[in-house]
């Protein structure tokens, strides 16, 4: 089925963009563009509800509502992967900062003890 190929490809793209690359200005711009396209598609689905059924039958899904559910699930997975990568990056930053503070603290204590 075409929907299986499309969803599989979309998942691979999400994993690639979210987990592999560093957060650059281009990546943030890509996310803004993708979100804007998503909003335009939602707007189109609201204005023309039969278009979702037509598109669903085109890709091999029974109903338009099912296709929207697949899209929502894919969007949710993308969001979760994105948040996970941000959280990992934040954790790494906190660990590096804690190590630097510990080294500075130890160095300061050593200097103070040496002055006595």
C-alpha atoms as a PDB file:
ATOM      1  CA  UNK A   1       0.000   0.000   0.000  1.00  0.00           C
ATOM      2  CA  UNK A   2       1.115   3.503  -0.766  1.00  0.00           C
ATOM      3  CA  UNK A   3       0.238   4.791   2.710  1.00  0.00           C
ATOM      4  CA  UNK A   4       2.661   2.345   4.315  1.00  0.00           C
ATOM      5  CA  UNK A   5       5.487   3.553   2.098  1.00  0.00           C
ATOM      6  CA  UNK A   6       4.635   7.219   2.746  1.00  0.00           C
ATOM      7  CA  UNK A   7       4.366   6.784   6.518  1.00  0.00           C
ATOM      8  CA  UNK A   8       7.580   4.745   6.680  1.00  0.00           C
ATOM      9  CA  UNK A   9       9.433   7.388   4.685  1.00  0.00           C
ATOM     10  CA  UNK A  10       8.046  10.154   6.899  1.00  0.00           C
ATOM     11  CA  UNK A  11       9.192   8.342  10.043  1.00  0.00           C
ATOM     12  CA  UNK A  12      12.700   7.902   8.655  1.00  0.00           C
ATOM     13  CA  UNK A  13      12.829  11.595   7.727  1.00  0.00           C
ATOM     14  CA  UNK A  14      11.657  12.602  11.218  1.00  0.00           C
ATOM     15  CA  UNK A  15      14.253  10.461  12.920  1.00  0.00           C
ATOM     16  CA  UNK A  16      16.988  11.776  10.629  1.00  0.00           C
ATOM     17  CA  UNK A  17      16.207  15.458  11.094  1.00  0.00           C
ATOM     18  CA  UNK A  18      15.392  15.362  14.779  1.00  0.00           C
ATOM     19  CA  UNK A  19      17.964  13.007  16.246  1.00  0.00           C
ATOM     20  CA  UNK A  20      21.004  13.287  14.000  1.00  0.00           C
ATOM     21  CA  UNK A  21      21.527  16.950  13.180  1.00  0.00           C
ATOM     22  CA  UNK A  22      22.508  19.709  15.552  1.00  0.00           C
ATOM     23  CA  UNK A  23      19.980  22.461  16.052  1.00  0.00           C
ATOM     24  CA  UNK A  24      21.001  25.070  13.484  1.00  0.00           C
ATOM     25  CA  UNK A  25      19.181  28.069  12.121  1.00  0.00           C
ATOM     26  CA  UNK A  26      18.409  26.092   8.982  1.00  0.00           C
ATOM     27  CA  UNK A  27      16.861  23.278  11.032  1.00  0.00           C
ATOM     28  CA  UNK A  28      14.713  25.735  12.949  1.00  0.00           C
ATOM     29  CA  UNK A  29      13.667  27.373   9.680  1.00  0.00           C
ATOM     30  CA  UNK A  30      12.791  23.941   8.274  1.00  0.00           C
ATOM     31  CA  UNK A  31      10.576  23.269  11.300  1.00  0.00           C
ATOM     32  CA  UNK A  32       8.797  26.593  10.832  1.00  0.00           C
ATOM     33  CA  UNK A  33       8.177  25.851   7.169  1.00  0.00           C
ATOM     34  CA  UNK A  34       6.930  22.340   7.971  1.00  0.00           C
ATOM     35  CA  UNK A  35       4.608  23.703  10.655  1.00  0.00           C
ATOM     36  CA  UNK A  36       3.265  26.333   8.265  1.00  0.00           C
ATOM     37  CA  UNK A  37       2.584  23.689   5.612  1.00  0.00           C
ATOM     38  CA  UNK A  38       0.879  21.548   8.255  1.00  0.00           C
ATOM     39  CA  UNK A  39      -1.371  24.470   9.225  1.00  0.00           C
ATOM     40  CA  UNK A  40      -2.250  25.151   5.588  1.00  0.00           C
ATOM     41  CA  UNK A  41      -3.154  21.495   5.102  1.00  0.00           C
ATOM     42  CA  UNK A  42      -5.342  21.622   8.208  1.00  0.00           C
ATOM     43  CA  UNK A  43      -7.040  24.751   6.871  1.00  0.00           C
ATOM     44  CA  UNK A  44      -7.650  22.998   3.545  1.00  0.00           C
ATOM     45  CA  UNK A  45      -9.096  19.950   5.316  1.00  0.00           C
ATOM     46  CA  UNK A  46     -11.523  22.176   7.198  1.00  0.00           C
ATOM     47  CA  UNK A  47     -12.622  24.078   4.089  1.00  0.00           C
ATOM     48  CA  UNK A  48     -12.847  20.997   1.869  1.00  0.00           C
ATOM     49  CA  UNK A  49     -13.621  17.958   4.075  1.00  0.00           C
ATOM     50  CA  UNK A  50     -14.233  15.663   1.098  1.00  0.00           C
ATOM     51  CA  UNK A  51     -10.668  16.238  -0.045  1.00  0.00           C
ATOM     52  CA  UNK A  52      -9.378  14.158   2.855  1.00  0.00           C
ATOM     53  CA  UNK A  53     -11.511  11.197   1.775  1.00  0.00           C
ATOM     54  CA  UNK A  54     -10.322  11.609  -1.822  1.00  0.00           C
ATOM     55  CA  UNK A  55      -6.693  11.803  -0.697  1.00  0.00           C
ATOM     56  CA  UNK A  56      -7.184   8.826   1.622  1.00  0.00           C
ATOM     57  CA  UNK A  57      -8.519   6.662  -1.195  1.00  0.00           C
ATOM     58  CA  UNK A  58      -5.628   7.844  -3.362  1.00  0.00           C
ATOM     59  CA  UNK A  59      -3.025   6.527  -0.889  1.00  0.00           C
ATOM     60  CA  UNK A  60      -4.926   3.386   0.056  1.00  0.00           C
ATOM     61  CA  UNK A  61      -6.694   4.345   3.292  1.00  0.00           C
ATOM     62  CA  UNK A  62     -10.404   3.719   3.743  1.00  0.00           C
ATOM     63  CA  UNK A  63     -11.545   7.040   5.198  1.00  0.00           C
ATOM     64  CA  UNK A  64     -10.284  10.581   5.377  1.00  0.00           C
ATOM     65  CA  UNK A  65     -10.594  10.507   9.159  1.00  0.00           C
ATOM     66  CA  UNK A  66      -8.180   7.577   9.307  1.00  0.00           C
ATOM     67  CA  UNK A  67      -5.694   9.456   7.150  1.00  0.00           C
ATOM     68  CA  UNK A  68      -5.922  12.446   9.484  1.00  0.00           C
ATOM     69  CA  UNK A  69      -5.348  10.135  12.444  1.00  0.00           C
ATOM     70  CA  UNK A  70      -2.215   8.732  10.791  1.00  0.00           C
ATOM     71  CA  UNK A  71      -0.992  12.266  10.185  1.00  0.00           C
ATOM     72  CA  UNK A  72      -1.687  13.225  13.778  1.00  0.00           C
ATOM     73  CA  UNK A  73       0.157  10.167  15.068  1.00  0.00           C
ATOM     74  CA  UNK A  74       3.122  10.978  12.845  1.00  0.00           C
ATOM     75  CA  UNK A  75       3.139  14.574  14.055  1.00  0.00           C
ATOM     76  CA  UNK A  76       3.015  13.412  17.677  1.00  0.00           C
ATOM     77  CA  UNK A  77       5.945  11.043  17.170  1.00  0.00           C
ATOM     78  CA  UNK A  78       7.913  13.874  15.575  1.00  0.00           C
ATOM     79  CA  UNK A  79       7.149  16.128  18.513  1.00  0.00           C
ATOM     80  CA  UNK A  80       8.198  13.489  21.043  1.00  0.00           C
ATOM     81  CA  UNK A  81      11.474  12.819  19.201  1.00  0.00           C
ATOM     82  CA  UNK A  82      12.158  16.541  18.999  1.00  0.00           C
ATOM     83  CA  UNK A  83      11.546  17.042  22.720  1.00  0.00           C
ATOM     84  CA  UNK A  84      13.706  14.026  23.536  1.00  0.00           C
ATOM     85  CA  UNK A  85      16.637  15.427  21.572  1.00  0.00           C
ATOM     86  CA  UNK A  86      16.234  18.841  23.242  1.00  0.00           C
ATOM     87  CA  UNK A  87      16.124  17.230  26.669  1.00  0.00           C
ATOM     88  CA  UNK A  88      19.257  15.188  25.947  1.00  0.00           C
ATOM     89  CA  UNK A  89      21.091  18.300  24.775  1.00  0.00           C
ATOM     90  CA  UNK A  90      19.998  20.181  27.904  1.00  0.00           C
ATOM     91  CA  UNK A  91      21.174  17.294  30.109  1.00  0.00           C
ATOM     92  CA  UNK A  92      24.551  17.278  28.415  1.00  0.00           C
ATOM     93  CA  UNK A  93      24.871  21.026  28.971  1.00  0.00           C
ATOM     94  CA  UNK A  94      24.034  20.709  32.664  1.00  0.00           C
ATOM     95  CA  UNK A  95      26.570  17.897  33.100  1.00  0.00           C
ATOM     96  CA  UNK A  96      29.314  19.963  31.424  1.00  0.00           C
ATOM     97  CA  UNK A  97      28.470  22.981  33.574  1.00  0.00           C
ATOM     98  CA  UNK A  98      28.437  20.903  36.767  1.00  0.00           C
ATOM     99  CA  UNK A  99      31.864  19.493  35.917  1.00  0.00           C
ATOM    100  CA  UNK A 100      33.269  22.972  35.296  1.00  0.00           C
ATOM    101  CA  UNK A 101      31.835  24.268  38.562  1.00  0.00           C
ATOM    102  CA  UNK A 102      33.293  21.298  40.453  1.00  0.00           C
ATOM    103  CA  UNK A 103      36.715  21.877  38.921  1.00  0.00           C
ATOM    104  CA  UNK A 104      36.608  25.606  39.668  1.00  0.00           C
ATOM    105  CA  UNK A 105      35.477  24.911  43.223  1.00  0.00           C
ATOM    106  CA  UNK A 106      38.258  22.379  43.766  1.00  0.00           C
ATOM    107  CA  UNK A 107      40.814  24.775  42.288  1.00  0.00           C
ATOM    108  CA  UNK A 108      39.594  27.619  44.517  1.00  0.00           C
ATOM    109  CA  UNK A 109      39.758  25.428  47.636  1.00  0.00           C
ATOM    110  CA  UNK A 110      43.264  24.279  46.727  1.00  0.00           C
ATOM    111  CA  UNK A 111      44.429  27.880  46.326  1.00  0.00           C
ATOM    112  CA  UNK A 112      42.826  28.928  49.598  1.00  0.00           C
ATOM    113  CA  UNK A 113      44.396  26.024  51.482  1.00  0.00           C
ATOM    114  CA  UNK A 114      47.768  26.845  49.943  1.00  0.00           C
ATOM    115  CA  UNK A 115      47.587  30.448  51.247  1.00  0.00           C
ATOM    116  CA  UNK A 116      47.322  29.288  54.861  1.00  0.00           C
END
